[in-house]
Amino acid sequence: MAQQRLSPIGYKEIIKLPSMAISQGSISFKNVTLQSEKYIVVKEDDKKKIAIVTAAAKRIKRLNNAGNPPIDQAIMNPNAEVVALRSANGQGGTSLNIFSLQMKANMKSATLQDRVDYWKWIDEKTIAIVTPTRVYHLGIEGQAQPTLKFERSAEKPESHWSGPVQVINYHQSQDKQWLILGGLAKGKQGGIAGVLQVHSCKMNASQPTMPSHAACFAQITLDGRSAPSNLICFTTNGPVLQILELDPPSKDVAFKKKVPLQFKQADDFPVSIHSDDKNGTLFILTHKGLLIAVEITTAKVFFANQTSKMIASCVNKYQEDGGIVTVDGTGRVGQFFLEKKNVVKFICETLNDLQTGLKMATRYNLPGADQYIEKQFNVLMNSQRYEEAMKMTARSPQGALRTVQTMRSFKQLPPINGQPALLFYFNLLLNTEGATLNTVESIELARPILQSGKPQGLAHIRDWLLKKKLTCSEELGDALKSTDLKLALQVYSSAKVPEKVIACFLALSAKEVDDNKANKIYTEIIKYAKNCNYTPDYCTLVGQLHRVNPARAKDFALVLINQEEESGTALVNVGQLADTFMFAQP
């Protein structure tokens, strides 16, 4: 049996439009709109209907389109059951209506004096509208009409294109400070030219148009930065992919990358780029159906494969797997996504690029790099580059190096900067924003501090727990129990160890001299058990408490009995409870 080829990109079919009785003739770029993976809208000219397909439920709803004038196009809200309908108004302009399918009512209407060449939802509450000369945004809330964002760039003698531009994409940066409008036109030197207009909302100005077929925005945290950066990613003639940072801290540190692309057919060109920010990957689709995947920070092309002869529509998928959703020429709706279990191994072994593979594993916390990480770690340790080895351990993908064995290795090292090596490593983690010590590390740090008996040490542990720097576990609770019962209770509760949470409650009540406070603890026990769906053996608990403090055992029993009278639900068998006290007598 042949071994299955390892692929860094996965594909999952969502639905086939013909299975929903949608004819092949209706499946085209003009008729199909896809604003998210949730809904596909098809204008069915043969049926005079607008078909709205809910992908997950495989359900279809059809709206009549026999009016005069008919609906030219419909686009579904990315998440809500709200559809925007567009039609000519008979006077050279366009009528827009936003309709709630759930309420079966019109939410908003608007009229433009021009025809609309392109439109899309840019978020759940805003539609971008492109006319031959202008770009507008229309908010669905309130009574406001479309707001002008910028004028479209007109053809000039020096322009690289001629004639009308067919708009095929429009994007807004996440901070809403940048807009890009992309389209295709006849090139003055022949062929199909890309026409890209980039507009700055802050400057209220557009840059000169660029010969780019496709572009998008990405937002990721670059190496050495503490906050996400806005990037513009676009293709130019060559073909070449360029990635540039918008509004960098300074020109000296501005991020920029450039990488050539290879198409399998000479007349092919990109029609869309979408960024999977979570996994740092650009998905580029071409006119001929070639899919290219690029890691953003390195501009590494790690996948290029034919997917379909024609892509009708595609969109970013902002769900758990990321990637893009496409509709191909046959009406098959599917998702292309980063195959997390394969991508690192594929880059390291198939592409023989260990550096990029390890960087992706570390940056995006991906599996598949353990053996390579361990080899690199051993090289650093053997060459006495201990600080680098510790930094690698702290950043190791999926905590591959953060093990008991590694902690033992660090214990045996000489002091670093005047402090024990293991403590130096822990301080490295504690001072890293967003980092949390795992279970093993938390116990290794806490145990010697508790053994020292110093009050300031316990104060540090309390502060680290408050800041979520330590991982709560049963073992950490055990280590704290003899020193601070309340803190141990907190740890057990976070670690979801209900029997030990209740044991801490009982121990605290046994030491409590105030009857009211003790009874409040017993009420807390009952409330806690109910909230976490845990059923304790209350008779056994009363017996355990009786051995330590008989008076408090009696109080606990009375609270249990009274609880039954108040709620009507028995928490304990009174006969068994009486036996508990009888057999517990000295």
Protein backbone atom coordinates (compact mmCIF):
# COMPACT_ATOMS: atom_id res chain seq x y z
CA MET A 1 0.00 0.00 0.00
CA ALA A 2 1.45 3.36 -1.08
CA GLN A 3 2.24 5.81 1.68
CA GLN A 4 -0.08 8.83 1.71
CA ARG A 5 1.71 12.03 0.70
CA LEU A 6 2.20 14.49 3.55
CA SER A 7 0.44 17.79 2.83
CA PRO A 8 0.72 21.04 4.81
CA ILE A 9 -2.70 22.18 3.53
CA GLY A 10 -5.91 20.33 4.24
CA TYR A 11 -9.25 20.41 2.44
CA LYS A 12 -12.72 19.73 3.81
CA GLU A 13 -15.84 19.69 1.68
CA ILE A 14 -18.72 21.61 3.26
CA ILE A 15 -21.55 21.24 0.76
CA LYS A 16 -22.28 20.78 -2.95
CA LEU A 17 -24.64 23.40 -4.35
CA PRO A 18 -26.14 21.06 -7.01
CA SER A 19 -27.29 18.82 -4.14
CA MET A 20 -29.53 21.73 -3.09
CA ALA A 21 -31.21 21.72 -6.53
CA ILE A 22 -29.14 24.66 -7.76
CA SER A 23 -28.44 24.39 -11.48
CA GLN A 24 -24.92 24.38 -12.88
CA GLY A 25 -25.76 27.40 -15.01
CA SER A 26 -26.34 29.54 -11.89
CA ILE A 27 -22.87 28.81 -10.46
CA SER A 28 -20.69 31.68 -11.67
CA PHE A 29 -18.65 34.55 -10.26
CA LYS A 30 -21.48 36.94 -11.12
CA ASN A 31 -24.25 34.94 -9.44
CA VAL A 32 -22.56 33.42 -6.37
CA THR A 33 -21.67 35.48 -3.29
CA LEU A 34 -19.87 34.15 -0.21
CA GLN A 35 -19.34 36.56 2.69
CA SER A 36 -18.44 33.87 5.24
CA GLU A 37 -18.41 30.10 5.58
CA LYS A 38 -21.93 30.21 7.06
CA TYR A 39 -23.99 31.25 4.05
CA ILE A 40 -23.80 30.94 0.26
CA VAL A 41 -26.12 33.07 -1.87
CA VAL A 42 -26.95 32.16 -5.48
CA LYS A 43 -28.97 34.20 -7.94
CA GLU A 44 -31.01 31.59 -9.85
CA ASP A 45 -32.00 33.29 -13.11
CA ASP A 46 -33.71 30.14 -14.39
CA LYS A 47 -36.01 30.00 -11.35
CA LYS A 48 -36.26 33.77 -10.81
CA LYS A 49 -35.21 33.13 -7.21
CA ILE A 50 -32.48 34.15 -4.76
CA ALA A 51 -31.24 30.97 -3.03
CA ILE A 52 -29.72 31.35 0.44
CA VAL A 53 -27.89 28.21 1.58
CA THR A 54 -27.03 27.71 5.27
CA ALA A 55 -23.94 25.53 4.93
CA ALA A 56 -23.76 23.78 8.31
CA ALA A 57 -27.45 22.85 8.39
CA LYS A 58 -27.53 22.13 4.62
CA ARG A 59 -30.72 24.15 4.48
CA ILE A 60 -31.93 26.37 1.64
CA LYS A 61 -34.30 29.34 1.65
CA ARG A 62 -35.49 30.90 -1.59
CA LEU A 63 -36.65 34.50 -2.08
CA ASN A 64 -38.80 35.49 -5.06
CA ASN A 65 -36.97 37.50 -7.72
CA ALA A 66 -39.74 38.05 -10.22
CA GLY A 67 -40.13 41.75 -9.51
CA ASN A 68 -39.52 44.61 -11.92
CA PRO A 69 -36.72 45.48 -11.72
CA PRO A 70 -35.35 42.17 -10.40
CA ILE A 71 -32.68 41.85 -7.70
CA ASP A 72 -29.24 42.11 -9.29
CA GLN A 73 -27.36 40.58 -6.40
CA ALA A 74 -27.77 39.54 -2.76
CA ILE A 75 -25.12 39.23 -0.01
CA MET A 76 -25.64 37.62 3.38
CA ASN A 77 -24.36 39.13 6.62
CA PRO A 78 -21.29 37.11 7.72
CA ASN A 79 -22.97 35.91 10.93
CA ALA A 80 -26.60 37.03 11.19
CA GLU A 81 -29.69 36.05 9.22
CA VAL A 82 -29.67 39.38 7.44
CA VAL A 83 -29.48 39.75 3.67
CA ALA A 84 -28.66 42.84 1.62
CA LEU A 85 -30.49 43.13 -1.71
CA ARG A 86 -29.42 45.29 -4.64
CA SER A 87 -31.42 46.29 -7.72
CA ALA A 88 -31.47 49.00 -10.38
CA ASN A 89 -34.02 51.74 -9.67
CA GLY A 90 -34.89 52.39 -13.33
CA GLN A 91 -33.33 55.86 -13.30
CA GLY A 92 -29.67 54.90 -13.64
CA GLY A 93 -29.24 54.54 -9.91
CA THR A 94 -29.36 51.67 -7.39
CA SER A 95 -31.75 50.71 -4.62
CA LEU A 96 -30.38 48.88 -1.58
CA ASN A 97 -32.47 47.05 0.99
CA ILE A 98 -31.31 45.25 4.13
CA PHE A 99 -33.76 42.55 5.15
CA SER A 100 -33.95 40.45 8.33
CA LEU A 101 -34.87 36.88 7.48
CA GLN A 102 -35.57 36.15 11.12
CA MET A 103 -37.97 39.03 11.66
CA LYS A 104 -39.19 38.95 8.04
CA ALA A 105 -38.90 42.73 7.92
CA ASN A 106 -36.93 45.37 6.07
CA MET A 107 -34.29 46.88 8.38
CA LYS A 108 -32.99 49.67 6.18
CA SER A 109 -33.18 51.12 2.68
CA ALA A 110 -30.85 53.38 0.76
CA THR A 111 -30.60 54.84 -2.73
CA LEU A 112 -27.55 55.75 -4.80
CA GLN A 113 -27.61 57.87 -7.95
CA ASP A 114 -25.02 55.63 -9.64
CA ARG A 115 -24.91 51.96 -10.48
CA VAL A 116 -23.05 49.69 -8.06
CA ASP A 117 -20.11 47.76 -9.52
CA TYR A 118 -19.20 45.85 -6.36
CA TRP A 119 -20.25 45.50 -2.72
CA LYS A 120 -19.47 43.35 0.30
CA TRP A 121 -19.92 43.15 4.05
CA ILE A 122 -16.67 44.34 5.67
CA ASP A 123 -17.98 43.51 9.14
CA GLU A 124 -21.28 42.54 10.75
CA LYS A 125 -22.59 46.11 10.72
CA THR A 126 -21.07 47.69 7.60
CA ILE A 127 -21.37 47.22 3.83
CA ALA A 128 -18.78 48.64 1.43
CA ILE A 129 -20.28 49.92 -1.84
CA VAL A 130 -18.25 50.66 -4.97
CA THR A 131 -19.69 52.75 -7.82
CA PRO A 132 -17.84 53.66 -11.06
CA THR A 133 -16.33 56.74 -9.38
CA ARG A 134 -16.67 56.45 -5.60
CA VAL A 135 -16.47 54.12 -2.59
CA TYR A 136 -19.04 54.33 0.21
CA HIS A 137 -19.67 52.60 3.53
CA LEU A 138 -23.22 51.94 4.71
CA GLY A 139 -23.91 51.13 8.36
CA ILE A 140 -26.97 48.98 8.94
CA GLU A 141 -27.87 50.68 12.22
CA GLY A 142 -29.68 54.01 12.45
CA GLN A 143 -30.97 56.12 9.58
CA ALA A 144 -27.63 57.25 8.11
CA GLN A 145 -27.24 56.92 4.35
CA PRO A 146 -24.04 55.73 2.58
CA THR A 147 -20.94 57.70 3.65
CA LEU A 148 -18.32 58.61 1.06
CA LYS A 149 -14.90 57.10 1.92
CA PHE A 150 -12.88 58.11 -1.14
CA GLU A 151 -12.94 58.82 -4.88
CA ARG A 152 -11.80 56.05 -7.19
CA SER A 153 -8.62 56.70 -9.15
CA ALA A 154 -9.38 57.64 -12.75
CA GLU A 155 -7.42 56.47 -15.77
CA LYS A 156 -4.61 58.85 -16.76
CA PRO A 157 -2.26 58.98 -19.76
CA GLU A 158 0.50 57.44 -17.65
CA SER A 159 -1.77 54.70 -16.22
CA HIS A 160 -0.76 51.09 -16.83
CA TRP A 161 -4.32 50.10 -17.78
CA SER A 162 -7.03 51.32 -20.09
CA GLY A 163 -10.81 51.13 -20.06
CA PRO A 164 -13.15 50.10 -17.22
CA VAL A 165 -11.88 48.29 -14.13
CA GLN A 166 -13.74 45.19 -12.93
CA VAL A 167 -13.59 45.36 -9.12
CA ILE A 168 -12.91 41.96 -7.54
CA ASN A 169 -11.91 42.74 -3.96
CA TYR A 170 -12.10 45.35 -1.24
CA HIS A 171 -10.60 45.19 2.27
CA GLN A 172 -10.44 47.28 5.42
CA SER A 173 -7.59 46.96 7.92
CA GLN A 174 -8.53 45.81 11.41
CA ASP A 175 -7.81 49.25 12.87
CA LYS A 176 -10.02 50.78 10.12
CA GLN A 177 -7.27 53.20 9.11
CA TRP A 178 -6.50 51.69 5.69
CA LEU A 179 -8.65 50.61 2.73
CA ILE A 180 -7.72 48.78 -0.46
CA LEU A 181 -9.70 48.47 -3.67
CA GLY A 182 -8.54 45.94 -6.24
CA GLY A 183 -9.67 45.12 -9.76
CA LEU A 184 -8.75 43.93 -13.24
CA ALA A 185 -8.56 45.88 -16.52
CA LYS A 186 -7.07 45.70 -19.98
CA GLY A 187 -3.31 46.30 -19.79
CA LYS A 188 -1.79 48.91 -22.09
CA GLN A 189 1.00 46.46 -22.82
CA GLY A 190 -1.50 43.68 -23.44
CA GLY A 191 -2.98 41.03 -21.17
CA ILE A 192 -4.98 41.60 -18.01
CA ALA A 193 -3.60 44.22 -15.63
CA GLY A 194 -4.20 44.45 -11.92
CA VAL A 195 -5.33 47.84 -10.58
CA LEU A 196 -4.84 48.45 -6.84
CA GLN A 197 -5.81 51.62 -4.98
CA VAL A 198 -4.60 52.02 -1.37
CA HIS A 199 -6.33 54.69 0.73
CA SER A 200 -5.27 56.11 4.10
CA CYS A 201 -8.24 57.18 6.25
CA LYS A 202 -5.92 59.07 8.59
CA MET A 203 -4.45 61.13 5.73
CA ASN A 204 -7.70 61.05 3.72
CA ALA A 205 -5.61 60.38 0.62
CA SER A 206 -4.94 57.56 -1.81
CA GLN A 207 -1.59 56.46 -3.12
CA PRO A 208 -1.02 56.25 -6.90
CA THR A 209 -2.54 53.08 -8.30
CA MET A 210 -0.29 50.05 -8.44
CA PRO A 211 -0.16 47.19 -10.98
CA SER A 212 -1.36 44.55 -8.51
CA HIS A 213 -3.91 41.81 -9.18
CA ALA A 214 -4.67 40.97 -5.55
CA ALA A 215 -4.06 42.35 -2.06
CA CYS A 216 -5.17 42.02 1.56
CA PHE A 217 -4.32 43.19 5.06
CA ALA A 218 -2.78 41.05 7.79
CA GLN A 219 -2.34 41.78 11.47
CA ILE A 220 0.28 39.83 13.40
CA THR A 221 2.81 40.50 16.14
CA LEU A 222 6.24 40.65 14.52
CA ASP A 223 9.42 39.40 16.15
CA GLY A 224 10.66 41.86 18.75
CA ARG A 225 7.35 43.73 18.90
CA SER A 226 4.93 43.85 21.82
CA ALA A 227 1.80 44.69 19.82
CA PRO A 228 0.32 43.49 16.50
CA SER A 229 1.37 45.30 13.33
CA ASN A 230 -0.77 46.07 10.28
CA LEU A 231 0.68 44.63 7.09
CA ILE A 232 -0.37 45.03 3.49
CA CYS A 233 0.25 41.99 1.31
CA PHE A 234 0.01 42.35 -2.47
CA THR A 235 1.24 40.85 -5.73
CA THR A 236 3.03 42.77 -8.48
CA ASN A 237 4.26 41.92 -11.94
CA GLY A 238 6.87 39.20 -12.05
CA PRO A 239 4.90 37.75 -10.38
CA VAL A 240 6.15 38.87 -6.96
CA LEU A 241 4.51 38.88 -3.52
CA GLN A 242 5.34 41.90 -1.36
CA ILE A 243 4.57 42.31 2.36
CA LEU A 244 4.97 45.79 3.87
CA GLU A 245 4.30 47.17 7.34
CA LEU A 246 1.88 50.07 7.57
CA ASP A 247 2.58 52.80 10.14
CA PRO A 248 5.81 51.23 11.51
CA PRO A 249 7.41 52.64 14.70
CA SER A 250 10.16 54.05 12.45
CA LYS A 251 11.40 53.60 8.89
CA ASP A 252 14.52 51.86 10.17
CA VAL A 253 12.58 48.97 11.68
CA ALA A 254 9.77 48.78 9.10
CA PHE A 255 8.98 45.18 8.18
CA LYS A 256 9.14 44.35 4.48
CA LYS A 257 9.46 41.10 2.55
CA LYS A 258 9.49 40.21 -1.13
CA VAL A 259 9.31 36.77 -2.72
CA PRO A 260 8.86 35.62 -6.34
CA LEU A 261 5.87 33.40 -7.12
CA GLN A 262 5.76 30.65 -9.73
CA PHE A 263 2.62 29.95 -11.74
CA LYS A 264 2.18 26.77 -13.75
CA GLN A 265 0.63 28.61 -16.71
CA ALA A 266 2.11 31.73 -18.29
CA ASP A 267 -1.22 33.54 -18.59
CA ASP A 268 -2.24 32.90 -14.95
CA PHE A 269 -2.52 35.66 -12.34
CA PRO A 270 -3.74 36.03 -8.72
CA VAL A 271 -7.36 36.95 -8.09
CA SER A 272 -7.39 36.92 -4.29
CA ILE A 273 -5.20 36.89 -1.19
CA HIS A 274 -6.52 36.16 2.28
CA SER A 275 -4.63 36.18 5.56
CA ASP A 276 -5.03 33.57 8.29
CA ASP A 277 -3.61 35.82 11.02
CA LYS A 278 -3.80 33.19 13.75
CA ASN A 279 -1.52 30.83 11.84
CA GLY A 280 0.52 33.51 10.04
CA THR A 281 -0.34 32.18 6.58
CA LEU A 282 -1.35 33.87 3.34
CA PHE A 283 -3.59 31.93 0.97
CA ILE A 284 -3.25 33.10 -2.66
CA LEU A 285 -5.68 31.90 -5.32
CA THR A 286 -5.09 32.39 -9.04
CA HIS A 287 -7.40 32.72 -12.02
CA LYS A 288 -6.54 29.16 -13.09
CA GLY A 289 -7.25 27.67 -9.65
CA LEU A 290 -3.69 27.45 -8.28
CA LEU A 291 -3.52 27.70 -4.47
CA ILE A 292 -0.32 29.09 -2.92
CA ALA A 293 0.39 29.22 0.83
CA VAL A 294 3.02 31.58 2.28
CA GLU A 295 4.27 32.03 5.87
CA ILE A 296 4.05 35.77 6.47
CA THR A 297 7.09 36.61 8.67
CA THR A 298 9.55 34.71 6.45
CA ALA A 299 7.69 35.06 3.12
CA LYS A 300 8.32 31.34 2.69
CA VAL A 301 6.23 29.69 -0.03
CA PHE A 302 5.54 26.22 1.36
CA PHE A 303 2.66 25.06 -0.81
CA ALA A 304 1.58 25.50 -4.44
CA ASN A 305 -0.94 23.13 -5.96
CA GLN A 306 -3.79 23.11 -8.45
CA THR A 307 -7.18 23.06 -6.71
CA SER A 308 -9.77 23.59 -9.43
CA LYS A 309 -10.11 24.87 -12.96
CA MET A 310 -12.15 27.80 -11.72
CA ILE A 311 -12.79 29.45 -8.37
CA ALA A 312 -16.13 31.22 -8.33
CA SER A 313 -15.79 32.96 -4.97
CA CYS A 314 -13.65 32.77 -1.82
CA VAL A 315 -13.42 34.35 1.63
CA ASN A 316 -11.39 34.28 4.83
CA LYS A 317 -12.59 31.79 7.42
CA TYR A 318 -12.25 33.24 10.91
CA GLN A 319 -13.09 30.06 12.74
CA GLU A 320 -11.05 27.52 14.70
CA ASP A 321 -9.12 26.13 11.73
CA GLY A 322 -8.64 29.43 9.88
CA GLY A 323 -7.89 29.24 6.15
CA ILE A 324 -10.29 30.09 3.34
CA VAL A 325 -13.63 28.93 1.99
CA THR A 326 -14.07 28.50 -1.76
CA VAL A 327 -16.77 27.72 -4.28
CA ASP A 328 -15.39 26.03 -7.39
CA GLY A 329 -16.87 25.85 -10.86
CA THR A 330 -18.80 22.68 -10.06
CA GLY A 331 -20.55 24.25 -7.07
CA ARG A 332 -18.48 22.44 -4.48
CA VAL A 333 -18.06 24.54 -1.33
CA GLY A 334 -15.00 23.65 0.71
CA GLN A 335 -12.45 24.87 3.20
CA PHE A 336 -8.69 24.98 2.67
CA PHE A 337 -6.80 25.22 5.94
CA LEU A 338 -3.37 24.85 7.47
CA GLU A 339 -2.91 21.17 8.36
CA LYS A 340 -1.33 21.78 11.74
CA LYS A 341 -0.23 18.22 12.37
CA ASN A 342 1.70 18.13 9.05
CA VAL A 343 3.02 21.57 8.22
CA VAL A 344 6.15 21.67 10.41
CA LYS A 345 7.24 18.17 9.45
CA PHE A 346 6.57 18.93 5.77
CA ILE A 347 8.70 22.09 5.82
CA CYS A 348 11.52 20.48 7.82
CA GLU A 349 11.68 17.22 5.87
CA THR A 350 10.11 17.63 2.42
CA LEU A 351 11.32 21.20 1.85
CA ASN A 352 14.46 20.63 3.95
CA ASP A 353 14.03 24.03 5.62
CA LEU A 354 14.67 23.41 9.31
CA GLN A 355 14.90 27.10 10.20
CA THR A 356 11.44 28.02 8.85
CA GLY A 357 9.88 24.84 10.21
CA LEU A 358 11.16 25.49 13.73
CA LYS A 359 10.15 29.13 13.55
CA MET A 360 6.60 28.22 12.58
CA ALA A 361 6.42 25.57 15.31
CA THR A 362 7.62 28.05 17.93
CA ARG A 363 5.67 31.09 16.77
CA TYR A 364 2.32 29.34 16.20
CA ASN A 365 2.69 26.55 18.79
CA LEU A 366 2.49 23.78 16.18
CA PRO A 367 3.35 20.09 16.65
CA GLY A 368 5.93 18.13 14.70
CA ALA A 369 9.18 19.77 15.80
CA ASP A 370 10.00 17.81 18.97
CA GLN A 371 12.97 15.85 17.60
CA TYR A 372 14.49 18.92 15.92
CA ILE A 373 13.94 21.10 18.97
CA GLU A 374 15.57 18.51 21.23
CA LYS A 375 18.63 18.22 18.97
CA GLN A 376 19.07 21.99 18.92
CA PHE A 377 18.59 22.13 22.69
CA ASN A 378 21.31 19.50 23.24
CA VAL A 379 23.71 21.40 20.99
CA LEU A 380 23.21 24.56 23.08
CA MET A 381 23.63 22.70 26.37
CA ASN A 382 26.76 20.85 25.23
CA SER A 383 28.32 24.12 24.08
CA GLN A 384 27.47 25.71 27.47
CA ARG A 385 25.12 28.26 25.89
CA TYR A 386 22.78 27.83 28.82
CA GLU A 387 20.81 31.06 28.57
CA GLU A 388 19.97 30.34 24.92
CA ALA A 389 18.93 26.81 25.89
CA MET A 390 16.62 28.21 28.56
CA LYS A 391 15.06 30.71 26.17
CA MET A 392 14.51 27.89 23.69
CA THR A 393 12.88 25.82 26.43
CA ALA A 394 10.55 28.66 27.39
CA ARG A 395 9.46 29.14 23.76
CA SER A 396 9.38 25.45 22.78
CA PRO A 397 6.19 24.65 20.82
CA GLN A 398 3.52 22.89 22.87
CA GLY A 399 5.98 22.85 25.80
CA ALA A 400 8.05 20.07 24.21
CA LEU A 401 11.13 20.86 26.34
CA ARG A 402 9.36 21.95 29.52
CA THR A 403 9.63 18.57 31.24
CA VAL A 404 10.88 17.02 34.49
CA GLN A 405 14.02 15.87 32.67
CA THR A 406 14.82 19.43 31.53
CA MET A 407 14.27 20.79 35.06
CA ARG A 408 16.75 18.20 36.38
CA SER A 409 19.29 19.28 33.75
CA PHE A 410 18.95 22.92 34.80
CA LYS A 411 19.38 21.99 38.48
CA GLN A 412 22.83 20.59 37.71
CA LEU A 413 24.09 23.72 35.96
CA PRO A 414 26.38 26.30 37.60
CA PRO A 415 24.78 29.59 38.78
CA ILE A 416 23.83 32.15 36.13
CA ASN A 417 24.19 35.84 36.97
CA GLY A 418 24.65 34.96 40.64
CA GLN A 419 21.50 32.86 41.06
CA PRO A 420 20.78 29.12 40.75
CA ALA A 421 20.30 28.16 37.10
CA LEU A 422 16.81 26.73 37.63
CA LEU A 423 15.70 29.91 39.40
CA PHE A 424 17.13 31.95 36.52
CA TYR A 425 14.95 29.92 34.14
CA PHE A 426 11.86 30.44 36.30
CA ASN A 427 12.50 34.20 36.45
CA LEU A 428 12.78 34.19 32.67
CA LEU A 429 9.25 32.77 32.47
CA LEU A 430 7.84 34.93 35.26
CA ASN A 431 9.08 38.10 33.53
CA THR A 432 7.71 37.10 30.12
CA GLU A 433 4.35 38.70 29.39
CA GLY A 434 1.61 36.10 28.94
CA ALA A 435 3.83 33.17 30.00
CA THR A 436 2.62 30.67 32.60
CA LEU A 437 4.69 28.03 34.34
CA ASN A 438 3.32 24.58 33.59
CA THR A 439 2.41 22.01 36.27
CA VAL A 440 5.93 20.62 36.65
CA GLU A 441 7.57 24.05 36.71
CA SER A 442 5.04 25.49 39.19
CA ILE A 443 5.72 22.71 41.71
CA GLU A 444 9.49 22.89 41.22
CA LEU A 445 9.40 26.63 41.92
CA ALA A 446 6.98 26.51 44.86
CA ARG A 447 8.41 23.53 46.79
CA PRO A 448 11.79 25.05 47.88
CA ILE A 449 10.12 28.38 48.63
CA LEU A 450 7.64 26.67 50.97
CA GLN A 451 10.39 24.59 52.56
CA SER A 452 12.30 27.77 53.43
CA GLY A 453 9.35 28.90 55.58
CA LYS A 454 9.91 32.58 54.71
CA PRO A 455 6.71 34.69 54.75
CA GLN A 456 7.83 36.70 51.74
CA GLY A 457 8.11 33.46 49.75
CA LEU A 458 4.46 32.63 50.41
CA ALA A 459 3.53 36.19 49.46
CA HIS A 460 5.31 35.68 46.10
CA ILE A 461 3.37 32.48 45.45
CA ARG A 462 0.11 34.22 46.28
CA ASP A 463 0.98 37.05 43.88
CA TRP A 464 1.98 34.63 41.08
CA LEU A 465 -1.30 32.77 41.46
CA LEU A 466 -3.20 36.05 41.29
CA LYS A 467 -1.38 36.97 38.08
CA LYS A 468 -1.94 33.43 36.67
CA LYS A 469 1.79 32.81 36.44
CA LEU A 470 1.47 29.36 38.05
CA THR A 471 -0.57 26.38 36.88
CA CYS A 472 -2.94 25.13 39.56
CA SER A 473 -2.78 21.38 40.15
CA GLU A 474 -3.56 18.84 42.85
CA GLU A 475 0.18 18.48 43.53
CA LEU A 476 0.62 22.24 44.03
CA GLY A 477 -2.37 22.24 46.40
CA ASP A 478 -0.79 19.37 48.36
CA ALA A 479 2.44 21.36 48.68
CA LEU A 480 0.56 24.41 49.99
CA LYS A 481 -1.85 22.61 52.34
CA SER A 482 0.39 22.44 55.41
CA THR A 483 1.40 26.11 55.04
CA ASP A 484 -1.75 27.95 53.92
CA LEU A 485 -5.09 26.12 53.89
CA LYS A 486 -6.98 28.95 52.19
CA LEU A 487 -4.44 29.19 49.39
CA ALA A 488 -4.47 25.42 48.96
CA LEU A 489 -8.27 25.52 48.76
CA GLN A 490 -8.02 28.14 46.00
CA VAL A 491 -5.56 25.97 44.05
CA TYR A 492 -7.63 22.80 44.46
CA SER A 493 -10.71 24.69 43.29
CA SER A 494 -8.96 25.97 40.13
CA ALA A 495 -7.55 22.49 39.48
CA LYS A 496 -11.06 21.00 39.91
CA VAL A 497 -10.28 18.61 42.78
CA PRO A 498 -13.61 18.82 44.68
CA GLU A 499 -12.87 16.24 47.38
CA LYS A 500 -9.79 18.19 48.49
CA VAL A 501 -11.60 21.52 48.27
CA ILE A 502 -14.18 20.18 50.73
CA ALA A 503 -11.43 18.71 52.94
CA CYS A 504 -9.91 22.21 53.17
CA PHE A 505 -13.28 23.70 54.03
CA LEU A 506 -13.71 21.14 56.84
CA ALA A 507 -10.20 21.75 58.18
CA LEU A 508 -10.85 25.50 58.25
CA SER A 509 -14.15 24.99 60.05
CA ALA A 510 -12.53 22.73 62.66
CA LYS A 511 -10.19 25.61 63.58
CA GLU A 512 -12.91 28.26 63.55
CA VAL A 513 -13.98 29.54 66.98
CA ASP A 514 -16.91 31.61 65.74
CA ASP A 515 -20.08 29.48 65.35
CA ASN A 516 -21.61 31.71 62.69
CA LYS A 517 -18.47 31.66 60.56
CA ALA A 518 -18.24 27.89 60.89
CA ASN A 519 -21.85 27.45 59.79
CA LYS A 520 -21.18 29.76 56.85
CA ILE A 521 -18.35 27.42 55.78
CA TYR A 522 -20.73 24.44 55.88
CA THR A 523 -23.21 26.32 53.72
CA GLU A 524 -20.35 27.09 51.30
CA ILE A 525 -19.54 23.36 51.10
CA ILE A 526 -23.11 22.52 50.07
CA LYS A 527 -23.18 25.38 47.55
CA TYR A 528 -19.79 24.44 46.08
CA ALA A 529 -20.73 20.76 45.69
CA LYS A 530 -23.94 21.71 43.89
CA ASN A 531 -22.20 24.18 41.55
CA CYS A 532 -19.57 21.68 40.45
CA ASN A 533 -22.05 18.81 40.22
CA TYR A 534 -20.21 16.81 42.86
CA THR A 535 -22.02 14.55 45.37
CA PRO A 536 -19.97 14.05 48.58
CA ASP A 537 -20.62 11.33 51.14
CA TYR A 538 -21.77 13.76 53.83
CA CYS A 539 -22.04 11.09 56.56
CA THR A 540 -18.39 10.18 56.04
CA LEU A 541 -17.42 13.86 56.09
CA VAL A 542 -19.28 14.40 59.37
CA GLY A 543 -17.50 11.37 60.82
CA GLN A 544 -14.09 12.70 59.74
CA LEU A 545 -14.86 16.07 61.30
CA HIS A 546 -16.09 14.39 64.51
CA ARG A 547 -12.68 12.81 65.04
CA VAL A 548 -11.10 16.27 65.00
CA ASN A 549 -13.80 18.48 66.53
CA PRO A 550 -17.02 16.76 67.74
CA ALA A 551 -18.79 20.08 68.40
CA ARG A 552 -18.21 21.26 64.83
CA ALA A 553 -19.37 17.86 63.51
CA LYS A 554 -22.68 18.44 65.31
CA ASP A 555 -22.94 21.93 63.72
CA PHE A 556 -22.25 20.49 60.26
CA ALA A 557 -24.93 17.80 60.76
CA LEU A 558 -27.50 20.40 61.78
CA VAL A 559 -26.74 22.52 58.70
CA LEU A 560 -27.21 19.45 56.49
CA ILE A 561 -30.57 18.60 58.13
CA ASN A 562 -31.78 22.21 57.98
CA GLN A 563 -30.83 22.39 54.31
CA GLU A 564 -33.27 19.55 53.62
CA GLU A 565 -36.05 21.38 55.44
CA GLU A 566 -35.39 24.57 53.43
CA SER A 567 -34.95 23.05 49.97
CA GLY A 568 -37.00 19.86 50.28
CA THR A 569 -34.03 17.84 49.00
CA ALA A 570 -32.34 15.36 51.33
CA LEU A 571 -28.56 15.70 51.40
CA VAL A 572 -28.05 13.01 54.04
CA ASN A 573 -29.90 10.06 55.57
CA VAL A 574 -30.77 11.08 59.12
CA GLY A 575 -30.60 7.48 60.37
CA GLN A 576 -27.11 7.00 58.95
CA LEU A 577 -26.10 10.36 60.36
CA ALA A 578 -27.26 9.25 63.84
CA ASP A 579 -25.24 6.04 63.46
CA THR A 580 -22.20 8.13 62.59
CA PHE A 581 -22.40 9.95 65.92
CA MET A 582 -23.26 6.79 67.87
CA PHE A 583 -20.31 4.76 66.60
CA ALA A 584 -18.00 7.75 66.85
CA GLN A 585 -18.57 8.05 70.63
CA PRO A 586 -15.45 7.20 72.69
